[in-house]
Full PDB file with SEQRES, HELIX, SHEET, SSBOND, CRYST1, ORIGX, SCALE, CONECT and MASTER records, all heavy atoms in Angstrom:
SEQRES   1 A   42  MET THR THR GLY PRO LEU SER ILE PRO LYS ASP PRO ASP          
SEQRES   2 A   42  ILE PRO GLY ILE ASP LYS PHE LYS GLY LEU LEU LEU ARG          
SEQRES   3 A   42  ALA GLN THR TRP PRO HIS GLU PRO VAL SER PHE GLU GLY          
SEQRES   4 A   42  LYS ARG VAL                                                  
HELIX    1 AA1 ILE A   17  LYS A   19  5                                   3    
HELIX    2 AA2 ALA A   27  THR A   29  5                                   3    
CRYST1    1.000    1.000    1.000  90.00  90.00  90.00 P 1           1          
ORIGX1      1.000000  0.000000  0.000000        0.00000                         
ORIGX2      0.000000  1.000000  0.000000        0.00000                         
ORIGX3      0.000000  0.000000  1.000000        0.00000                         
SCALE1      1.000000  0.000000  0.000000        0.00000                         
SCALE2      0.000000  1.000000  0.000000        0.00000                         
SCALE3      0.000000  0.000000  1.000000        0.00000                         
ATOM      1  N   MET A   1     123.846 112.687 115.648  1.00  0.00           N  
ATOM      2  CA  MET A   1     123.819 111.331 116.199  1.00  0.00           C  
ATOM      3  C   MET A   1     122.785 110.476 115.454  1.00  0.00           C  
ATOM      4  O   MET A   1     121.661 110.288 115.916  1.00  0.00           O  
ATOM      5  CB  MET A   1     123.483 111.372 117.689  1.00  0.00           C  
ATOM      6  CG  MET A   1     124.521 112.066 118.537  1.00  0.00           C  
ATOM      7  SD  MET A   1     126.070 111.123 118.606  1.00  0.00           S  
ATOM      8  CE  MET A   1     126.941 112.008 119.901  1.00  0.00           C  
ATOM      9  N   THR A   2     123.178 109.960 114.309  1.00  0.00           N  
ATOM     10  CA  THR A   2     122.283 109.087 113.537  1.00  0.00           C  
ATOM     11  C   THR A   2     122.522 107.638 113.955  1.00  0.00           C  
ATOM     12  O   THR A   2     122.813 106.768 113.133  1.00  0.00           O  
ATOM     13  CB  THR A   2     122.499 109.266 112.023  1.00  0.00           C  
ATOM     14  OG1 THR A   2     123.892 109.142 111.737  1.00  0.00           O  
ATOM     15  CG2 THR A   2     122.008 110.616 111.550  1.00  0.00           C  
ATOM     16  N   THR A   3     122.383 107.402 115.247  1.00  0.00           N  
ATOM     17  CA  THR A   3     122.649 106.073 115.794  1.00  0.00           C  
ATOM     18  C   THR A   3     121.455 105.144 115.642  1.00  0.00           C  
ATOM     19  O   THR A   3     121.586 103.928 115.839  1.00  0.00           O  
ATOM     20  CB  THR A   3     123.013 106.191 117.282  1.00  0.00           C  
ATOM     21  OG1 THR A   3     122.046 107.022 117.936  1.00  0.00           O  
ATOM     22  CG2 THR A   3     124.386 106.835 117.453  1.00  0.00           C  
ATOM     23  N   GLY A   4     120.280 105.681 115.311  1.00  0.00           N  
ATOM     24  CA  GLY A   4     119.115 104.855 115.044  1.00  0.00           C  
ATOM     25  C   GLY A   4     118.465 104.321 116.306  1.00  0.00           C  
ATOM     26  O   GLY A   4     119.100 104.224 117.364  1.00  0.00           O  
ATOM     27  N   PRO A   5     117.193 103.941 116.205  1.00  0.00           N  
ATOM     28  CA  PRO A   5     116.478 103.433 117.374  1.00  0.00           C  
ATOM     29  C   PRO A   5     116.815 101.990 117.728  1.00  0.00           C  
ATOM     30  O   PRO A   5     116.521 101.542 118.823  1.00  0.00           O  
ATOM     31  CB  PRO A   5     115.010 103.564 116.964  1.00  0.00           C  
ATOM     32  CG  PRO A   5     115.022 103.464 115.479  1.00  0.00           C  
ATOM     33  CD  PRO A   5     116.311 104.091 115.038  1.00  0.00           C  
ATOM     34  N   LEU A   6     117.435 101.235 116.793  1.00  0.00           N  
ATOM     35  CA  LEU A   6     117.721  99.822 117.027  1.00  0.00           C  
ATOM     36  C   LEU A   6     119.174  99.530 116.686  1.00  0.00           C  
ATOM     37  O   LEU A   6     119.504  99.167 115.557  1.00  0.00           O  
ATOM     38  CB  LEU A   6     116.790  98.938 116.183  1.00  0.00           C  
ATOM     39  CG  LEU A   6     115.286  99.085 116.443  1.00  0.00           C  
ATOM     40  CD1 LEU A   6     114.490  98.259 115.441  1.00  0.00           C  
ATOM     41  CD2 LEU A   6     114.938  98.673 117.860  1.00  0.00           C  
ATOM     42  N   SER A   7     120.066  99.693 117.657  1.00  0.00           N  
ATOM     43  CA  SER A   7     121.473  99.439 117.357  1.00  0.00           C  
ATOM     44  C   SER A   7     122.275  98.867 118.523  1.00  0.00           C  
ATOM     45  O   SER A   7     123.428  98.505 118.338  1.00  0.00           O  
ATOM     46  CB  SER A   7     122.152 100.737 116.871  1.00  0.00           C  
ATOM     47  OG  SER A   7     122.026 101.760 117.824  1.00  0.00           O  
ATOM     48  N   ILE A   8     121.676  98.783 119.723  1.00  0.00           N  
ATOM     49  CA  ILE A   8     122.390  98.210 120.875  1.00  0.00           C  
ATOM     50  C   ILE A   8     121.713  96.896 121.256  1.00  0.00           C  
ATOM     51  O   ILE A   8     120.643  96.883 121.871  1.00  0.00           O  
ATOM     52  CB  ILE A   8     122.384  99.182 122.070  1.00  0.00           C  
ATOM     53  CG1 ILE A   8     123.063 100.497 121.696  1.00  0.00           C  
ATOM     54  CG2 ILE A   8     123.069  98.549 123.272  1.00  0.00           C  
ATOM     55  CD1 ILE A   8     124.540 100.357 121.340  1.00  0.00           C  
ATOM     56  N   PRO A   9     122.305  95.734 120.859  1.00  0.00           N  
ATOM     57  CA  PRO A   9     121.679  94.436 121.142  1.00  0.00           C  
ATOM     58  C   PRO A   9     121.544  94.169 122.635  1.00  0.00           C  
ATOM     59  O   PRO A   9     122.320  94.679 123.448  1.00  0.00           O  
ATOM     60  CB  PRO A   9     122.636  93.439 120.492  1.00  0.00           C  
ATOM     61  CG  PRO A   9     123.444  94.237 119.514  1.00  0.00           C  
ATOM     62  CD  PRO A   9     123.556  95.600 120.102  1.00  0.00           C  
ATOM     63  N   LYS A  10     120.561  93.346 122.976  1.00  0.00           N  
ATOM     64  CA  LYS A  10     120.316  93.015 124.373  1.00  0.00           C  
ATOM     65  C   LYS A  10     120.159  91.507 124.537  1.00  0.00           C  
ATOM     66  O   LYS A  10     119.353  90.890 123.845  1.00  0.00           O  
ATOM     67  CB  LYS A  10     119.052  93.725 124.865  1.00  0.00           C  
ATOM     68  CG  LYS A  10     118.755  93.452 126.335  1.00  0.00           C  
ATOM     69  CD  LYS A  10     117.364  93.887 126.700  1.00  0.00           C  
ATOM     70  CE  LYS A  10     117.040  93.428 128.118  1.00  0.00           C  
ATOM     71  NZ  LYS A  10     117.062  91.949 128.237  1.00  0.00           N  
ATOM     72  N   ASP A  11     120.927  90.921 125.448  1.00  0.00           N  
ATOM     73  CA  ASP A  11     120.779  89.504 125.779  1.00  0.00           C  
ATOM     74  C   ASP A  11     119.609  89.323 126.740  1.00  0.00           C  
ATOM     75  O   ASP A  11     119.234  90.247 127.468  1.00  0.00           O  
ATOM     76  CB  ASP A  11     122.055  88.975 126.436  1.00  0.00           C  
ATOM     77  CG  ASP A  11     123.131  88.634 125.415  1.00  0.00           C  
ATOM     78  OD1 ASP A  11     122.833  88.664 124.212  1.00  0.00           O  
ATOM     79  OD2 ASP A  11     124.271  88.358 125.836  1.00  0.00           O  
ATOM     80  N   PRO A  12     119.039  88.120 126.800  1.00  0.00           N  
ATOM     81  CA  PRO A  12     117.978  87.867 127.778  1.00  0.00           C  
ATOM     82  C   PRO A  12     118.539  87.853 129.187  1.00  0.00           C  
ATOM     83  O   PRO A  12     119.717  87.553 129.408  1.00  0.00           O  
ATOM     84  CB  PRO A  12     117.458  86.487 127.372  1.00  0.00           C  
ATOM     85  CG  PRO A  12     118.603  85.827 126.687  1.00  0.00           C  
ATOM     86  CD  PRO A  12     119.333  86.926 125.976  1.00  0.00           C  
ATOM     87  N   ASP A  13     117.685  88.200 130.161  1.00  0.00           N  
ATOM     88  CA  ASP A  13     118.109  88.196 131.562  1.00  0.00           C  
ATOM     89  C   ASP A  13     117.932  86.793 132.140  1.00  0.00           C  
ATOM     90  O   ASP A  13     117.019  86.518 132.924  1.00  0.00           O  
ATOM     91  CB  ASP A  13     117.281  89.220 132.354  1.00  0.00           C  
ATOM     92  CG  ASP A  13     117.535  90.642 131.890  1.00  0.00           C  
ATOM     93  OD1 ASP A  13     118.703  90.970 131.659  1.00  0.00           O  
ATOM     94  OD2 ASP A  13     116.559  91.404 131.754  1.00  0.00           O  
ATOM     95  N   ILE A  14     118.821  85.892 131.725  1.00  0.00           N  
ATOM     96  CA  ILE A  14     118.772  84.494 132.157  1.00  0.00           C  
ATOM     97  C   ILE A  14     120.163  84.112 132.651  1.00  0.00           C  
ATOM     98  O   ILE A  14     121.166  84.368 131.961  1.00  0.00           O  
ATOM     99  CB  ILE A  14     118.365  83.562 130.993  1.00  0.00           C  
ATOM    100  CG1 ILE A  14     116.985  83.954 130.451  1.00  0.00           C  
ATOM    101  CG2 ILE A  14     118.360  82.109 131.432  1.00  0.00           C  
ATOM    102  CD1 ILE A  14     116.598  83.215 129.187  1.00  0.00           C  
ATOM    103  N   PRO A  15     120.289  83.511 133.813  1.00  0.00           N  
ATOM    104  CA  PRO A  15     121.622  83.124 134.305  1.00  0.00           C  
ATOM    105  C   PRO A  15     122.218  81.992 133.480  1.00  0.00           C  
ATOM    106  O   PRO A  15     121.503  81.166 132.913  1.00  0.00           O  
ATOM    107  CB  PRO A  15     121.348  82.666 135.744  1.00  0.00           C  
ATOM    108  CG  PRO A  15     119.890  82.317 135.780  1.00  0.00           C  
ATOM    109  CD  PRO A  15     119.225  83.211 134.795  1.00  0.00           C  
ATOM    110  N   GLY A  16     123.558  81.988 133.415  1.00  0.00           N  
ATOM    111  CA  GLY A  16     124.271  80.869 132.814  1.00  0.00           C  
ATOM    112  C   GLY A  16     124.633  81.019 131.354  1.00  0.00           C  
ATOM    113  O   GLY A  16     125.112  80.052 130.742  1.00  0.00           O  
ATOM    114  N   ILE A  17     124.436  82.193 130.772  1.00  0.00           N  
ATOM    115  CA  ILE A  17     124.708  82.357 129.335  1.00  0.00           C  
ATOM    116  C   ILE A  17     126.142  81.958 128.995  1.00  0.00           C  
ATOM    117  O   ILE A  17     126.396  81.301 127.983  1.00  0.00           O  
ATOM    118  CB  ILE A  17     124.420  83.807 128.901  1.00  0.00           C  
ATOM    119  CG1 ILE A  17     122.917  84.095 128.958  1.00  0.00           C  
ATOM    120  CG2 ILE A  17     124.943  84.063 127.481  1.00  0.00           C  
ATOM    121  CD1 ILE A  17     122.549  85.535 128.674  1.00  0.00           C  
ATOM    122  N   ASP A  18     127.067  82.331 129.844  1.00  0.00           N  
ATOM    123  CA  ASP A  18     128.485  82.046 129.570  1.00  0.00           C  
ATOM    124  C   ASP A  18     128.843  80.570 129.702  1.00  0.00           C  
ATOM    125  O   ASP A  18     129.918  80.145 129.279  1.00  0.00           O  
ATOM    126  CB  ASP A  18     129.382  82.860 130.510  1.00  0.00           C  
ATOM    127  CG  ASP A  18     129.268  84.358 130.259  1.00  0.00           C  
ATOM    128  OD1 ASP A  18     128.889  84.730 129.143  1.00  0.00           O  
ATOM    129  OD2 ASP A  18     129.546  85.139 131.195  1.00  0.00           O  
ATOM    130  N   LYS A  19     127.944  79.781 130.278  1.00  0.00           N  
ATOM    131  CA  LYS A  19     128.235  78.357 130.474  1.00  0.00           C  
ATOM    132  C   LYS A  19     128.058  77.528 129.200  1.00  0.00           C  
ATOM    133  O   LYS A  19     128.689  76.476 129.054  1.00  0.00           O  
ATOM    134  CB  LYS A  19     127.320  77.776 131.558  1.00  0.00           C  
ATOM    135  CG  LYS A  19     127.529  78.343 132.951  1.00  0.00           C  
ATOM    136  CD  LYS A  19     126.554  77.682 133.917  1.00  0.00           C  
ATOM    137  CE  LYS A  19     126.685  78.239 135.327  1.00  0.00           C  
ATOM    138  NZ  LYS A  19     125.682  77.606 136.232  1.00  0.00           N  
ATOM    139  N   PHE A  20     127.204  77.962 128.304  1.00  0.00           N  
ATOM    140  CA  PHE A  20     126.811  77.138 127.162  1.00  0.00           C  
ATOM    141  C   PHE A  20     128.018  76.782 126.288  1.00  0.00           C  
ATOM    142  O   PHE A  20     128.765  77.662 125.851  1.00  0.00           O  
ATOM    143  CB  PHE A  20     125.759  77.871 126.339  1.00  0.00           C  
ATOM    144  CG  PHE A  20     125.217  77.068 125.187  1.00  0.00           C  
ATOM    145  CD1 PHE A  20     124.569  75.861 125.402  1.00  0.00           C  
ATOM    146  CD2 PHE A  20     125.360  77.526 123.877  1.00  0.00           C  
ATOM    147  CE1 PHE A  20     124.059  75.131 124.348  1.00  0.00           C  
ATOM    148  CE2 PHE A  20     124.853  76.797 122.813  1.00  0.00           C  
ATOM    149  CZ  PHE A  20     124.204  75.594 123.042  1.00  0.00           C  
ATOM    150  N   LYS A  21     128.197  75.471 126.045  1.00  0.00           N  
ATOM    151  CA  LYS A  21     129.352  74.999 125.288  1.00  0.00           C  
ATOM    152  C   LYS A  21     129.076  74.837 123.794  1.00  0.00           C  
ATOM    153  O   LYS A  21     129.996  74.613 123.008  1.00  0.00           O  
ATOM    154  CB  LYS A  21     129.816  73.646 125.855  1.00  0.00           C  
ATOM    155  CG  LYS A  21     130.252  73.676 127.304  1.00  0.00           C  
ATOM    156  CD  LYS A  21     131.471  74.557 127.511  1.00  0.00           C  
ATOM    157  CE  LYS A  21     131.973  74.468 128.946  1.00  0.00           C  
ATOM    158  NZ  LYS A  21     133.143  75.359 129.171  1.00  0.00           N  
ATOM    159  N   GLY A  22     127.809  74.934 123.401  1.00  0.00           N  
ATOM    160  CA  GLY A  22     127.479  74.831 121.984  1.00  0.00           C  
ATOM    161  C   GLY A  22     127.709  76.151 121.274  1.00  0.00           C  
ATOM    162  O   GLY A  22     128.395  77.052 121.762  1.00  0.00           O  
ATOM    163  N   LEU A  23     127.105  76.293 120.081  1.00  0.00           N  
ATOM    164  CA  LEU A  23     127.241  77.509 119.286  1.00  0.00           C  
ATOM    165  C   LEU A  23     126.159  78.500 119.707  1.00  0.00           C  
ATOM    166  O   LEU A  23     124.971  78.222 119.562  1.00  0.00           O  
ATOM    167  CB  LEU A  23     127.112  77.175 117.797  1.00  0.00           C  
ATOM    168  CG  LEU A  23     127.171  78.362 116.818  1.00  0.00           C  
ATOM    169  CD1 LEU A  23     128.514  79.090 116.927  1.00  0.00           C  
ATOM    170  CD2 LEU A  23     126.938  77.881 115.384  1.00  0.00           C  
ATOM    171  N   LEU A  24     126.571  79.638 120.245  1.00  0.00           N  
ATOM    172  CA  LEU A  24     125.637  80.686 120.660  1.00  0.00           C  
ATOM    173  C   LEU A  24     125.606  81.778 119.591  1.00  0.00           C  
ATOM    174  O   LEU A  24     126.639  82.357 119.252  1.00  0.00           O  
ATOM    175  CB  LEU A  24     126.059  81.280 121.998  1.00  0.00           C  
ATOM    176  CG  LEU A  24     125.200  82.438 122.530  1.00  0.00           C  
ATOM    177  CD1 LEU A  24     123.761  82.003 122.745  1.00  0.00           C  
ATOM    178  CD2 LEU A  24     125.796  83.001 123.825  1.00  0.00           C  
ATOM    179  N   LEU A  25     124.423  82.035 119.056  1.00  0.00           N  
ATOM    180  CA  LEU A  25     124.262  83.024 117.988  1.00  0.00           C  
ATOM    181  C   LEU A  25     123.290  84.113 118.432  1.00  0.00           C  
ATOM    182  O   LEU A  25     122.261  83.828 119.049  1.00  0.00           O  
ATOM    183  CB  LEU A  25     123.719  82.368 116.715  1.00  0.00           C  
ATOM    184  CG  LEU A  25     124.577  81.267 116.101  1.00  0.00           C  
ATOM    185  CD1 LEU A  25     123.812  80.557 114.991  1.00  0.00           C  
ATOM    186  CD2 LEU A  25     125.872  81.859 115.545  1.00  0.00           C  
ATOM    187  N   ARG A  26     123.630  85.342 118.111  1.00  0.00           N  
ATOM    188  CA  ARG A  26     122.744  86.476 118.373  1.00  0.00           C  
ATOM    189  C   ARG A  26     122.259  87.015 117.036  1.00  0.00           C  
ATOM    190  O   ARG A  26     123.068  87.342 116.166  1.00  0.00           O  
ATOM    191  CB  ARG A  26     123.470  87.557 119.170  1.00  0.00           C  
ATOM    192  CG  ARG A  26     123.846  87.119 120.580  1.00  0.00           C  
ATOM    193  CD  ARG A  26     124.790  88.101 121.246  1.00  0.00           C  
ATOM    194  NE  ARG A  26     125.023  87.768 122.653  1.00  0.00           N  
ATOM    195  CZ  ARG A  26     125.935  86.912 123.079  1.00  0.00           C  
ATOM    196  NH1 ARG A  26     126.717  86.264 122.201  1.00  0.00           N  
ATOM    197  NH2 ARG A  26     126.084  86.674 124.374  1.00  0.00           N  
ATOM    198  N   ALA A  27     120.931  87.134 116.898  1.00  0.00           N  
ATOM    199  CA  ALA A  27     120.378  87.580 115.615  1.00  0.00           C  
ATOM    200  C   ALA A  27     120.920  88.941 115.216  1.00  0.00           C  
ATOM    201  O   ALA A  27     121.146  89.204 114.033  1.00  0.00           O  
ATOM    202  CB  ALA A  27     118.847  87.626 115.708  1.00  0.00           C  
ATOM    203  N   GLN A  28     121.168  89.811 116.206  1.00  0.00           N  
ATOM    204  CA  GLN A  28     121.567  91.184 115.898  1.00  0.00           C  
ATOM    205  C   GLN A  28     123.023  91.308 115.461  1.00  0.00           C  
ATOM    206  O   GLN A  28     123.416  92.335 114.911  1.00  0.00           O  
ATOM    207  CB  GLN A  28     121.340  92.079 117.130  1.00  0.00           C  
ATOM    208  CG  GLN A  28     119.942  91.964 117.718  1.00  0.00           C  
ATOM    209  CD  GLN A  28     119.893  90.950 118.852  1.00  0.00           C  
ATOM    210  OE1 GLN A  28     120.604  89.938 118.847  1.00  0.00           O  
ATOM    211  NE2 GLN A  28     119.050  91.219 119.844  1.00  0.00           N  
ATOM    212  N   THR A  29     123.833  90.284 115.743  1.00  0.00           N  
ATOM    213  CA  THR A  29     125.247  90.294 115.322  1.00  0.00           C  
ATOM    214  C   THR A  29     125.583  88.950 114.692  1.00  0.00           C  
ATOM    215  O   THR A  29     126.515  88.275 115.105  1.00  0.00           O  
ATOM    216  CB  THR A  29     126.181  90.578 116.523  1.00  0.00           C  
ATOM    217  OG1 THR A  29     125.875  89.648 117.575  1.00  0.00           O  
ATOM    218  CG2 THR A  29     125.985  91.989 117.046  1.00  0.00           C  
ATOM    219  N   TRP A  30     124.823  88.575 113.698  1.00  0.00           N  
ATOM    220  CA  TRP A  30     124.942  87.257 113.075  1.00  0.00           C  
ATOM    221  C   TRP A  30     126.259  87.132 112.314  1.00  0.00           C  
ATOM    222  O   TRP A  30     126.748  88.106 111.729  1.00  0.00           O  
ATOM    223  CB  TRP A  30     123.769  87.051 112.113  1.00  0.00           C  
ATOM    224  CG  TRP A  30     123.520  85.611 111.774  1.00  0.00           C  
ATOM    225  CD1 TRP A  30     123.979  84.936 110.673  1.00  0.00           C  
ATOM    226  CD2 TRP A  30     122.750  84.664 112.530  1.00  0.00           C  
ATOM    227  NE1 TRP A  30     123.546  83.631 110.703  1.00  0.00           N  
ATOM    228  CE2 TRP A  30     122.790  83.434 111.839  1.00  0.00           C  
ATOM    229  CE3 TRP A  30     122.047  84.743 113.719  1.00  0.00           C  
ATOM    230  CZ2 TRP A  30     122.140  82.302 112.291  1.00  0.00           C  
ATOM    231  CZ3 TRP A  30     121.398  83.608 114.185  1.00  0.00           C  
ATOM    232  CH2 TRP A  30     121.447  82.408 113.462  1.00  0.00           C  
ATOM    233  N   PRO A  31     126.857  85.930 112.301  1.00  0.00           N  
ATOM    234  CA  PRO A  31     128.101  85.733 111.553  1.00  0.00           C  
ATOM    235  C   PRO A  31     127.932  86.052 110.067  1.00  0.00           C  
ATOM    236  O   PRO A  31     126.847  85.889 109.504  1.00  0.00           O  
ATOM    237  CB  PRO A  31     128.408  84.241 111.748  1.00  0.00           C  
ATOM    238  CG  PRO A  31     127.621  83.830 112.953  1.00  0.00           C  
ATOM    239  CD  PRO A  31     126.406  84.694 112.975  1.00  0.00           C  
ATOM    240  N   HIS A  32     128.999  86.504 109.453  1.00  0.00           N  
ATOM    241  CA  HIS A  32     128.952  86.800 108.021  1.00  0.00           C  
ATOM    242  C   HIS A  32     129.038  85.530 107.176  1.00  0.00           C  
ATOM    243  O   HIS A  32     128.647  85.543 106.012  1.00  0.00           O  
ATOM    244  CB  HIS A  32     130.086  87.765 107.645  1.00  0.00           C  
ATOM    245  CG  HIS A  32     129.867  89.155 108.145  1.00  0.00           C  
ATOM    246  ND1 HIS A  32     130.445  90.263 107.555  1.00  0.00           N  
ATOM    247  CD2 HIS A  32     129.114  89.635 109.166  1.00  0.00           C  
ATOM    248  CE1 HIS A  32     130.060  91.346 108.202  1.00  0.00           C  
ATOM    249  NE2 HIS A  32     129.267  90.987 109.184  1.00  0.00           N  
ATOM    250  N   GLU A  33     129.533  84.447 107.749  1.00  0.00           N  
ATOM    251  CA  GLU A  33     129.627  83.191 107.011  1.00  0.00           C  
ATOM    252  C   GLU A  33     128.362  82.362 107.270  1.00  0.00           C  
ATOM    253  O   GLU A  33     127.700  82.514 108.294  1.00  0.00           O  
ATOM    254  CB  GLU A  33     130.874  82.404 107.416  1.00  0.00           C  
ATOM    255  CG  GLU A  33     130.924  82.005 108.885  1.00  0.00           C  
ATOM    256  CD  GLU A  33     131.492  83.087 109.792  1.00  0.00           C  
ATOM    257  OE1 GLU A  33     131.784  84.199 109.292  1.00  0.00           O  
ATOM    258  OE2 GLU A  33     131.612  82.817 111.010  1.00  0.00           O  
ATOM    259  N   PRO A  34     127.998  81.475 106.342  1.00  0.00           N  
ATOM    260  CA  PRO A  34     126.776  80.668 106.495  1.00  0.00           C  
ATOM    261  C   PRO A  34     126.845  79.762 107.719  1.00  0.00           C  
ATOM    262  O   PRO A  34     127.914  79.307 108.124  1.00  0.00           O  
ATOM    263  CB  PRO A  34     126.741  79.849 105.197  1.00  0.00           C  
ATOM    264  CG  PRO A  34     127.603  80.581 104.233  1.00  0.00           C  
ATOM    265  CD  PRO A  34     128.667  81.242 105.045  1.00  0.00           C  
ATOM    266  N   VAL A  35     125.678  79.500 108.314  1.00  0.00           N  
ATOM    267  CA  VAL A  35     125.551  78.589 109.460  1.00  0.00           C  
ATOM    268  C   VAL A  35     124.664  77.428 109.033  1.00  0.00           C  
ATOM    269  O   VAL A  35     123.579  77.628 108.504  1.00  0.00           O  
ATOM    270  CB  VAL A  35     124.932  79.301 110.675  1.00  0.00           C  
ATOM    271  CG1 VAL A  35     124.735  78.318 111.834  1.00  0.00           C  
ATOM    272  CG2 VAL A  35     125.805  80.475 111.112  1.00  0.00           C  
ATOM    273  N   SER A  36     125.140  76.194 109.248  1.00  0.00           N  
ATOM    274  CA  SER A  36     124.354  75.010 108.895  1.00  0.00           C  
ATOM    275  C   SER A  36     123.554  74.532 110.107  1.00  0.00           C  
ATOM    276  O   SER A  36     124.089  74.402 111.214  1.00  0.00           O  
ATOM    277  CB  SER A  36     125.275  73.885 108.421  1.00  0.00           C  
ATOM    278  OG  SER A  36     124.527  72.692 108.218  1.00  0.00           O  
ATOM    279  N   PHE A  37     122.268  74.263 109.876  1.00  0.00           N  
ATOM    280  CA  PHE A  37     121.399  73.758 110.939  1.00  0.00           C  
ATOM    281  C   PHE A  37     121.015  72.299 110.713  1.00  0.00           C  
ATOM    282  O   PHE A  37     120.309  71.709 111.527  1.00  0.00           O  
ATOM    283  CB  PHE A  37     120.130  74.609 111.015  1.00  0.00           C  
ATOM    284  CG  PHE A  37     120.388  76.052 111.304  1.00  0.00           C  
ATOM    285  CD1 PHE A  37     120.402  76.996 110.283  1.00  0.00           C  
ATOM    286  CD2 PHE A  37     120.636  76.479 112.594  1.00  0.00           C  
ATOM    287  CE1 PHE A  37     120.645  78.327 110.551  1.00  0.00           C  
ATOM    288  CE2 PHE A  37     120.884  77.805 112.879  1.00  0.00           C  
ATOM    289  CZ  PHE A  37     120.893  78.738 111.845  1.00  0.00           C  
ATOM    290  N   GLU A  38     121.486  71.727 109.649  1.00  0.00           N  
ATOM    291  CA  GLU A  38     121.094  70.367 109.276  1.00  0.00           C  
ATOM    292  C   GLU A  38     121.487  69.375 110.372  1.00  0.00           C  
ATOM    293  O   GLU A  38     122.645  69.297 110.793  1.00  0.00           O  
ATOM    294  CB  GLU A  38     121.750  69.974 107.954  1.00  0.00           C  
ATOM    295  CG  GLU A  38     121.257  68.647 107.416  1.00  0.00           C  
ATOM    296  CD  GLU A  38     121.814  68.348 106.031  1.00  0.00           C  
ATOM    297  OE1 GLU A  38     122.469  69.240 105.451  1.00  0.00           O  
ATOM    298  OE2 GLU A  38     121.601  67.226 105.556  1.00  0.00           O  
ATOM    299  N   GLY A  39     120.507  68.622 110.844  1.00  0.00           N  
ATOM    300  CA  GLY A  39     120.744  67.615 111.864  1.00  0.00           C  
ATOM    301  C   GLY A  39     121.021  68.165 113.242  1.00  0.00           C  
ATOM    302  O   GLY A  39     121.310  67.398 114.169  1.00  0.00           O  
ATOM    303  N   LYS A  40     120.904  69.469 113.439  1.00  0.00           N  
ATOM    304  CA  LYS A  40     121.239  70.090 114.716  1.00  0.00           C  
ATOM    305  C   LYS A  40     119.990  70.275 115.572  1.00  0.00           C  
ATOM    306  O   LYS A  40     118.890  70.488 115.076  1.00  0.00           O  
ATOM    307  CB  LYS A  40     121.901  71.462 114.487  1.00  0.00           C  
ATOM    308  CG  LYS A  40     123.138  71.435 113.614  1.00  0.00           C  
ATOM    309  CD  LYS A  40     124.302  70.710 114.283  1.00  0.00           C  
ATOM    310  CE  LYS A  40     125.577  70.845 113.440  1.00  0.00           C  
ATOM    311  NZ  LYS A  40     126.716  70.122 114.049  1.00  0.00           N  
ATOM    312  N   ARG A  41     120.232  70.212 116.888  1.00  0.00           N  
ATOM    313  CA  ARG A  41     119.183  70.566 117.844  1.00  0.00           C  
ATOM    314  C   ARG A  41     119.353  72.043 118.177  1.00  0.00           C  
ATOM    315  O   ARG A  41     120.354  72.448 118.773  1.00  0.00           O  
ATOM    316  CB  ARG A  41     119.301  69.705 119.108  1.00  0.00           C  
ATOM    317  CG  ARG A  41     118.956  68.240 118.869  1.00  0.00           C  
ATOM    318  CD  ARG A  41     119.326  67.377 120.074  1.00  0.00           C  
ATOM    319  NE  ARG A  41     118.668  67.792 121.306  1.00  0.00           N  
ATOM    320  CZ  ARG A  41     117.474  67.341 121.697  1.00  0.00           C  
ATOM    321  NH1 ARG A  41     116.806  66.472 120.968  1.00  0.00           N  
ATOM    322  NH2 ARG A  41     116.954  67.748 122.844  1.00  0.00           N  
ATOM    323  N   VAL A  42     118.359  72.839 117.777  1.00  0.00           N  
ATOM    324  CA  VAL A  42     118.468  74.296 117.861  1.00  0.00           C  
ATOM    325  C   VAL A  42     117.434  74.831 118.847  1.00  0.00           C  
ATOM    326  O   VAL A  42     116.268  74.422 118.837  1.00  0.00           O  
ATOM    327  CB  VAL A  42     118.243  74.948 116.480  1.00  0.00           C  
ATOM    328  CG1 VAL A  42     118.407  76.471 116.569  1.00  0.00           C  
ATOM    329  CG2 VAL A  42     119.206  74.364 115.453  1.00  0.00           C  
TER     330      VAL A  42                                                      
MASTER        0    0    0    2    0    0    0    6  329    1    0    4          
END                                                                             
């Protein structure tokens, strides 16, 4: 079992995560395509 010590991502324990209508990104499963932050409120 070479599953490693860091391989199961964890979301914060905050209500309402599914409500957010903007772009939700998780550092541990980041998109393979580039993400632009120019002019965005992050």
